[in-house]
């Protein structure tokens, strides 16, 4: 399975903004992008003690896979 991984969350955010995939990030780090509409929430999932969003670029070509991941994550609540 091909995937990217990052040690720094900011690098992962840059990759998502460049359309290279989806990510799960702290709401503190992607709040401006969410407000500006450059990133969008795939689901409103909050982890205990932290706020995270599954985000992707609008119109991402792997939208079906993103929706499937979103459904799976929501089932884990």
PDB file of N, CA and C in Angstrom:
ATOM      1  N   UNK A   1       0.843  -1.173   0.000  1.00  0.00           N
ATOM      2  CA  UNK A   1       0.000   0.000   0.000  1.00  0.00           C
ATOM      3  C   UNK A   1       0.888   1.236   0.000  1.00  0.00           C
ATOM      4  N   UNK A   2       0.645   2.147  -0.922  1.00  0.00           N
ATOM      5  CA  UNK A   2       1.419   3.381  -0.995  1.00  0.00           C
ATOM      6  C   UNK A   2       0.835   4.407  -0.046  1.00  0.00           C
ATOM      7  N   UNK A   3       1.691   5.030   0.724  1.00  0.00           N
ATOM      8  CA  UNK A   3       1.247   6.083   1.625  1.00  0.00           C
ATOM      9  C   UNK A   3       2.420   6.982   1.973  1.00  0.00           C
ATOM     10  N   UNK A   4       2.084   8.154   2.448  1.00  0.00           N
ATOM     11  CA  UNK A   4       3.078   9.094   2.942  1.00  0.00           C
ATOM     12  C   UNK A   4       2.980   9.129   4.455  1.00  0.00           C
ATOM     13  N   UNK A   5       4.083   9.324   5.116  1.00  0.00           N
ATOM     14  CA  UNK A   5       4.052   9.546   6.559  1.00  0.00           C
ATOM     15  C   UNK A   5       5.011  10.694   6.879  1.00  0.00           C
ATOM     16  N   UNK A   6       4.671  11.414   7.929  1.00  0.00           N
ATOM     17  CA  UNK A   6       5.427  12.607   8.295  1.00  0.00           C
ATOM     18  C   UNK A   6       5.688  12.611   9.791  1.00  0.00           C
ATOM     19  N   UNK A   7       6.828  13.106  10.170  1.00  0.00           N
ATOM     20  CA  UNK A   7       7.117  13.282  11.596  1.00  0.00           C
ATOM     21  C   UNK A   7       6.558  14.604  12.095  1.00  0.00           C
ATOM     22  N   UNK A   8       6.443  15.573  11.233  1.00  0.00           N
ATOM     23  CA  UNK A   8       5.953  16.896  11.601  1.00  0.00           C
ATOM     24  C   UNK A   8       4.558  17.105  11.036  1.00  0.00           C
ATOM     25  N   UNK A   9       3.614  17.456  11.891  1.00  0.00           N
ATOM     26  CA  UNK A   9       2.231  17.641  11.464  1.00  0.00           C
ATOM     27  C   UNK A   9       2.100  18.745  10.416  1.00  0.00           C
ATOM     28  N   UNK A  10       2.917  19.785  10.510  1.00  0.00           N
ATOM     29  CA  UNK A  10       2.837  20.879   9.538  1.00  0.00           C
ATOM     30  C   UNK A  10       3.194  20.407   8.129  1.00  0.00           C
ATOM     31  N   UNK A  11       4.127  19.472   8.007  1.00  0.00           N
ATOM     32  CA  UNK A  11       4.466  18.931   6.686  1.00  0.00           C
ATOM     33  C   UNK A  11       3.303  18.121   6.125  1.00  0.00           C
ATOM     34  N   UNK A  12       2.628  17.393   6.984  1.00  0.00           N
ATOM     35  CA  UNK A  12       1.466  16.621   6.543  1.00  0.00           C
ATOM     36  C   UNK A  12       0.351  17.552   6.081  1.00  0.00           C
ATOM     37  N   UNK A  13       0.148  18.658   6.788  1.00  0.00           N
ATOM     38  CA  UNK A  13      -0.869  19.635   6.383  1.00  0.00           C
ATOM     39  C   UNK A  13      -0.530  20.188   5.007  1.00  0.00           C
ATOM     40  N   UNK A  14       0.730  20.517   4.783  1.00  0.00           N
ATOM     41  CA  UNK A  14       1.150  21.023   3.472  1.00  0.00           C
ATOM     42  C   UNK A  14       0.880  19.999   2.376  1.00  0.00           C
ATOM     43  N   UNK A  15       1.092  18.717   2.661  1.00  0.00           N
ATOM     44  CA  UNK A  15       0.838  17.669   1.666  1.00  0.00           C
ATOM     45  C   UNK A  15      -0.654  17.590   1.341  1.00  0.00           C
ATOM     46  N   UNK A  16      -1.509  17.691   2.360  1.00  0.00           N
ATOM     47  CA  UNK A  16      -2.956  17.662   2.114  1.00  0.00           C
ATOM     48  C   UNK A  16      -3.369  18.884   1.301  1.00  0.00           C
ATOM     49  N   UNK A  17      -2.847  20.048   1.646  1.00  0.00           N
ATOM     50  CA  UNK A  17      -3.159  21.266   0.892  1.00  0.00           C
ATOM     51  C   UNK A  17      -2.722  21.138  -0.573  1.00  0.00           C
ATOM     52  N   UNK A  18      -1.664  20.367  -0.819  1.00  0.00           N
ATOM     53  CA  UNK A  18      -1.175  20.159  -2.183  1.00  0.00           C
ATOM     54  C   UNK A  18      -1.952  19.062  -2.906  1.00  0.00           C
ATOM     55  N   UNK A  19      -2.963  18.492  -2.240  1.00  0.00           N
ATOM     56  CA  UNK A  19      -3.794  17.474  -2.879  1.00  0.00           C
ATOM     57  C   UNK A  19      -3.199  16.081  -2.884  1.00  0.00           C
ATOM     58  N   UNK A  20      -2.252  15.824  -1.986  1.00  0.00           N
ATOM     59  CA  UNK A  20      -1.567  14.534  -1.979  1.00  0.00           C
ATOM     60  C   UNK A  20      -2.249  13.498  -1.086  1.00  0.00           C
ATOM     61  N   UNK A  21      -3.384  13.824  -0.490  1.00  0.00           N
ATOM     62  CA  UNK A  21      -4.070  12.845   0.350  1.00  0.00           C
ATOM     63  C   UNK A  21      -4.963  13.515   1.365  1.00  0.00           C
ATOM     64  N   UNK A  22      -5.246  12.773   2.421  1.00  0.00           N
ATOM     65  CA  UNK A  22      -6.086  13.267   3.510  1.00  0.00           C
ATOM     66  C   UNK A  22      -5.275  13.198   4.793  1.00  0.00           C
ATOM     67  N   UNK A  23      -5.748  13.830   5.835  1.00  0.00           N
ATOM     68  CA  UNK A  23      -5.030  13.788   7.099  1.00  0.00           C
ATOM     69  C   UNK A  23      -5.952  13.990   8.278  1.00  0.00           C
ATOM     70  N   UNK A  24      -5.456  13.647   9.440  1.00  0.00           N
ATOM     71  CA  UNK A  24      -6.164  13.871  10.686  1.00  0.00           C
ATOM     72  C   UNK A  24      -5.280  14.807  11.513  1.00  0.00           C
ATOM     73  N   UNK A  25      -5.828  16.009  11.825  1.00  0.00           N
ATOM     74  CA  UNK A  25      -5.014  17.047  12.435  1.00  0.00           C
ATOM     75  C   UNK A  25      -5.691  17.692  13.631  1.00  0.00           C
ATOM     76  N   UNK A  26      -4.878  18.329  14.430  1.00  0.00           N
ATOM     77  CA  UNK A  26      -5.357  19.138  15.540  1.00  0.00           C
ATOM     78  C   UNK A  26      -6.143  20.325  14.998  1.00  0.00           C
ATOM     79  N   UNK A  27      -7.277  20.602  15.628  1.00  0.00           N
ATOM     80  CA  UNK A  27      -8.082  21.752  15.198  1.00  0.00           C
ATOM     81  C   UNK A  27      -7.334  23.062  15.384  1.00  0.00           C
ATOM     82  N   UNK A  28      -6.368  23.103  16.269  1.00  0.00           N
ATOM     83  CA  UNK A  28      -5.568  24.319  16.462  1.00  0.00           C
ATOM     84  C   UNK A  28      -4.705  24.631  15.244  1.00  0.00           C
ATOM     85  N   UNK A  29      -4.264  23.592  14.553  1.00  0.00           N
ATOM     86  CA  UNK A  29      -3.367  23.798  13.415  1.00  0.00           C
ATOM     87  C   UNK A  29      -4.081  24.022  12.092  1.00  0.00           C
ATOM     88  N   UNK A  30      -5.297  23.551  11.930  1.00  0.00           N
ATOM     89  CA  UNK A  30      -5.983  23.694  10.642  1.00  0.00           C
ATOM     90  C   UNK A  30      -7.199  24.621  10.715  1.00  0.00           C
ATOM     91  N   UNK A  31      -7.381  25.301  11.840  1.00  0.00           N
ATOM     92  CA  UNK A  31      -8.536  26.193  11.996  1.00  0.00           C
ATOM     93  C   UNK A  31      -8.628  27.257  10.920  1.00  0.00           C
ATOM     94  N   UNK A  32      -7.515  27.897  10.588  1.00  0.00           N
ATOM     95  CA  UNK A  32      -7.527  28.951   9.561  1.00  0.00           C
ATOM     96  C   UNK A  32      -7.880  28.381   8.194  1.00  0.00           C
ATOM     97  N   UNK A  33      -7.334  27.217   7.873  1.00  0.00           N
ATOM     98  CA  UNK A  33      -7.618  26.582   6.576  1.00  0.00           C
ATOM     99  C   UNK A  33      -9.083  26.147   6.487  1.00  0.00           C
ATOM    100  N   UNK A  34      -9.642  25.677   7.604  1.00  0.00           N
ATOM    101  CA  UNK A  34     -11.059  25.309   7.621  1.00  0.00           C
ATOM    102  C   UNK A  34     -11.937  26.541   7.415  1.00  0.00           C
ATOM    103  N   UNK A  35     -11.604  27.637   8.099  1.00  0.00           N
ATOM    104  CA  UNK A  35     -12.365  28.889   7.949  1.00  0.00           C
ATOM    105  C   UNK A  35     -12.270  29.440   6.532  1.00  0.00           C
ATOM    106  N   UNK A  36     -11.086  29.321   5.920  1.00  0.00           N
ATOM    107  CA  UNK A  36     -10.864  29.844   4.568  1.00  0.00           C
ATOM    108  C   UNK A  36     -11.450  28.931   3.495  1.00  0.00           C
ATOM    109  N   UNK A  37     -11.759  27.685   3.860  1.00  0.00           N
ATOM    110  CA  UNK A  37     -12.304  26.748   2.885  1.00  0.00           C
ATOM    111  C   UNK A  37     -11.258  26.019   2.062  1.00  0.00           C
ATOM    112  N   UNK A  38      -9.968  26.177   2.409  1.00  0.00           N
ATOM    113  CA  UNK A  38      -8.936  25.455   1.672  1.00  0.00           C
ATOM    114  C   UNK A  38      -8.853  24.004   2.116  1.00  0.00           C
ATOM    115  N   UNK A  39      -9.353  23.715   3.315  1.00  0.00           N
ATOM    116  CA  UNK A  39      -9.534  22.348   3.785  1.00  0.00           C
ATOM    117  C   UNK A  39     -10.978  22.215   4.243  1.00  0.00           C
ATOM    118  N   UNK A  40     -11.486  20.992   4.181  1.00  0.00           N
ATOM    119  CA  UNK A  40     -12.848  20.768   4.661  1.00  0.00           C
ATOM    120  C   UNK A  40     -12.876  19.523   5.533  1.00  0.00           C
ATOM    121  N   UNK A  41     -13.795  19.520   6.489  1.00  0.00           N
ATOM    122  CA  UNK A  41     -13.938  18.366   7.370  1.00  0.00           C
ATOM    123  C   UNK A  41     -14.631  17.238   6.626  1.00  0.00           C
ATOM    124  N   UNK A  42     -14.084  16.040   6.774  1.00  0.00           N
ATOM    125  CA  UNK A  42     -14.756  14.856   6.235  1.00  0.00           C
ATOM    126  C   UNK A  42     -15.725  14.318   7.279  1.00  0.00           C
ATOM    127  N   UNK A  43     -15.433  14.558   8.556  1.00  0.00           N
ATOM    128  CA  UNK A  43     -16.338  14.183   9.635  1.00  0.00           C
ATOM    129  C   UNK A  43     -15.994  14.996  10.864  1.00  0.00           C
ATOM    130  N   UNK A  44     -16.925  15.075  11.771  1.00  0.00           N
ATOM    131  CA  UNK A  44     -16.719  15.835  12.999  1.00  0.00           C
ATOM    132  C   UNK A  44     -16.422  14.867  14.135  1.00  0.00           C
ATOM    133  N   UNK A  45     -15.198  14.344  14.158  1.00  0.00           N
ATOM    134  CA  UNK A  45     -14.764  13.375  15.153  1.00  0.00           C
ATOM    135  C   UNK A  45     -13.848  14.086  16.130  1.00  0.00           C
ATOM    136  N   UNK A  46     -14.110  13.937  17.415  1.00  0.00           N
ATOM    137  CA  UNK A  46     -13.234  14.497  18.441  1.00  0.00           C
ATOM    138  C   UNK A  46     -12.699  13.361  19.285  1.00  0.00           C
ATOM    139  N   UNK A  47     -11.389  13.357  19.487  1.00  0.00           N
ATOM    140  CA  UNK A  47     -10.770  12.370  20.353  1.00  0.00           C
ATOM    141  C   UNK A  47     -10.687  12.943  21.758  1.00  0.00           C
ATOM    142  N   UNK A  48     -10.804  12.095  22.735  1.00  0.00           N
ATOM    143  CA  UNK A  48     -10.810  12.527  24.130  1.00  0.00           C
ATOM    144  C   UNK A  48      -9.613  13.420  24.434  1.00  0.00           C
ATOM    145  N   UNK A  49      -9.898  14.611  24.906  1.00  0.00           N
ATOM    146  CA  UNK A  49      -8.836  15.537  25.272  1.00  0.00           C
ATOM    147  C   UNK A  49      -8.285  16.351  24.119  1.00  0.00           C
ATOM    148  N   UNK A  50      -8.621  15.996  22.914  1.00  0.00           N
ATOM    149  CA  UNK A  50      -8.101  16.678  21.747  1.00  0.00           C
ATOM    150  C   UNK A  50      -9.208  16.858  20.719  1.00  0.00           C
ATOM    151  N   UNK A  51      -9.085  17.854  19.883  1.00  0.00           N
ATOM    152  CA  UNK A  51      -9.995  18.031  18.764  1.00  0.00           C
ATOM    153  C   UNK A  51      -9.243  17.759  17.476  1.00  0.00           C
ATOM    154  N   UNK A  52      -9.693  16.794  16.699  1.00  0.00           N
ATOM    155  CA  UNK A  52      -9.067  16.449  15.431  1.00  0.00           C
ATOM    156  C   UNK A  52     -10.115  16.445  14.341  1.00  0.00           C
ATOM    157  N   UNK A  53      -9.690  16.735  13.114  1.00  0.00           N
ATOM    158  CA  UNK A  53     -10.562  16.677  11.954  1.00  0.00           C
ATOM    159  C   UNK A  53      -9.909  15.813  10.892  1.00  0.00           C
ATOM    160  N   UNK A  54     -10.695  15.029  10.222  1.00  0.00           N
ATOM    161  CA  UNK A  54     -10.232  14.342   9.021  1.00  0.00           C
ATOM    162  C   UNK A  54     -10.511  15.321   7.890  1.00  0.00           C
ATOM    163  N   UNK A  55      -9.475  15.768   7.195  1.00  0.00           N
ATOM    164  CA  UNK A  55      -9.632  16.814   6.190  1.00  0.00           C
ATOM    165  C   UNK A  55      -9.060  16.367   4.855  1.00  0.00           C
ATOM    166  N   UNK A  56      -9.554  16.981   3.796  1.00  0.00           N
ATOM    167  CA  UNK A  56      -9.046  16.719   2.456  1.00  0.00           C
ATOM    168  C   UNK A  56      -9.321  17.938   1.598  1.00  0.00           C
ATOM    169  N   UNK A  57      -8.647  18.015   0.465  1.00  0.00           N
ATOM    170  CA  UNK A  57      -8.883  19.133  -0.442  1.00  0.00           C
ATOM    171  C   UNK A  57     -10.207  18.918  -1.170  1.00  0.00           C
ATOM    172  N   UNK A  58     -10.911  19.998  -1.458  1.00  0.00           N
ATOM    173  CA  UNK A  58     -12.214  19.935  -2.118  1.00  0.00           C
ATOM    174  C   UNK A  58     -12.071  19.277  -3.485  1.00  0.00           C
ATOM    175  N   UNK A  59     -12.980  18.358  -3.804  1.00  0.00           N
ATOM    176  CA  UNK A  59     -12.965  17.700  -5.106  1.00  0.00           C
ATOM    177  C   UNK A  59     -11.835  16.702  -5.291  1.00  0.00           C
ATOM    178  N   UNK A  60     -11.289  16.167  -4.197  1.00  0.00           N
ATOM    179  CA  UNK A  60     -10.166  15.230  -4.288  1.00  0.00           C
ATOM    180  C   UNK A  60     -10.558  14.030  -5.162  1.00  0.00           C
ATOM    181  N   UNK A  61      -9.677  13.585  -6.060  1.00  0.00           N
ATOM    182  CA  UNK A  61     -10.023  12.491  -6.970  1.00  0.00           C
ATOM    183  C   UNK A  61     -10.276  11.150  -6.278  1.00  0.00           C
ATOM    184  N   UNK A  62      -9.878  10.999  -5.033  1.00  0.00           N
ATOM    185  CA  UNK A  62     -10.124   9.749  -4.307  1.00  0.00           C
ATOM    186  C   UNK A  62     -11.239   9.941  -3.283  1.00  0.00           C
ATOM    187  N   UNK A  63     -12.213  10.741  -3.645  1.00  0.00           N
ATOM    188  CA  UNK A  63     -13.327  11.052  -2.758  1.00  0.00           C
ATOM    189  C   UNK A  63     -14.059   9.824  -2.241  1.00  0.00           C
ATOM    190  N   UNK A  64     -14.200   8.802  -3.065  1.00  0.00           N
ATOM    191  CA  UNK A  64     -14.897   7.580  -2.627  1.00  0.00           C
ATOM    192  C   UNK A  64     -14.113   6.883  -1.518  1.00  0.00           C
ATOM    193  N   UNK A  65     -12.807   6.832  -1.647  1.00  0.00           N
ATOM    194  CA  UNK A  65     -11.983   6.221  -0.616  1.00  0.00           C
ATOM    195  C   UNK A  65     -12.017   7.050   0.670  1.00  0.00           C
ATOM    196  N   UNK A  66     -12.016   8.372   0.511  1.00  0.00           N
ATOM    197  CA  UNK A  66     -12.105   9.255   1.673  1.00  0.00           C
ATOM    198  C   UNK A  66     -13.423   9.032   2.404  1.00  0.00           C
ATOM    199  N   UNK A  67     -14.507   8.926   1.655  1.00  0.00           N
ATOM    200  CA  UNK A  67     -15.817   8.680   2.263  1.00  0.00           C
ATOM    201  C   UNK A  67     -15.829   7.342   2.995  1.00  0.00           C
ATOM    202  N   UNK A  68     -15.191   6.327   2.419  1.00  0.00           N
ATOM    203  CA  UNK A  68     -15.129   5.018   3.074  1.00  0.00           C
ATOM    204  C   UNK A  68     -14.341   5.096   4.382  1.00  0.00           C
ATOM    205  N   UNK A  69     -13.228   5.813   4.375  1.00  0.00           N
ATOM    206  CA  UNK A  69     -12.444   5.985   5.592  1.00  0.00           C
ATOM    207  C   UNK A  69     -13.262   6.748   6.632  1.00  0.00           C
ATOM    208  N   UNK A  70     -13.937   7.786   6.190  1.00  0.00           N
ATOM    209  CA  UNK A  70     -14.773   8.570   7.088  1.00  0.00           C
ATOM    210  C   UNK A  70     -15.837   7.695   7.752  1.00  0.00           C
ATOM    211  N   UNK A  71     -16.486   6.859   6.969  1.00  0.00           N
ATOM    212  CA  UNK A  71     -17.507   5.948   7.509  1.00  0.00           C
ATOM    213  C   UNK A  71     -16.894   5.003   8.534  1.00  0.00           C
ATOM    214  N   UNK A  72     -15.723   4.470   8.217  1.00  0.00           N
ATOM    215  CA  UNK A  72     -15.049   3.555   9.135  1.00  0.00           C
ATOM    216  C   UNK A  72     -14.683   4.261  10.445  1.00  0.00           C
ATOM    217  N   UNK A  73     -14.122   5.464  10.340  1.00  0.00           N
ATOM    218  CA  UNK A  73     -13.753   6.198  11.554  1.00  0.00           C
ATOM    219  C   UNK A  73     -14.966   6.503  12.424  1.00  0.00           C
ATOM    220  N   UNK A  74     -16.069   6.889  11.788  1.00  0.00           N
ATOM    221  CA  UNK A  74     -17.287   7.187  12.554  1.00  0.00           C
ATOM    222  C   UNK A  74     -17.805   5.944  13.259  1.00  0.00           C
ATOM    223  N   UNK A  75     -17.616   4.777  12.678  1.00  0.00           N
ATOM    224  CA  UNK A  75     -18.104   3.544  13.299  1.00  0.00           C
ATOM    225  C   UNK A  75     -17.276   3.198  14.541  1.00  0.00           C
ATOM    226  N   UNK A  76     -16.097   3.786  14.679  1.00  0.00           N
ATOM    227  CA  UNK A  76     -15.204   3.486  15.809  1.00  0.00           C
ATOM    228  C   UNK A  76     -15.507   4.356  17.037  1.00  0.00           C
ATOM    229  N   UNK A  77     -16.491   5.227  16.950  1.00  0.00           N
ATOM    230  CA  UNK A  77     -16.802   6.119  18.081  1.00  0.00           C
ATOM    231  C   UNK A  77     -17.195   5.373  19.298  1.00  0.00           C
TER     232      UNK A  77
END
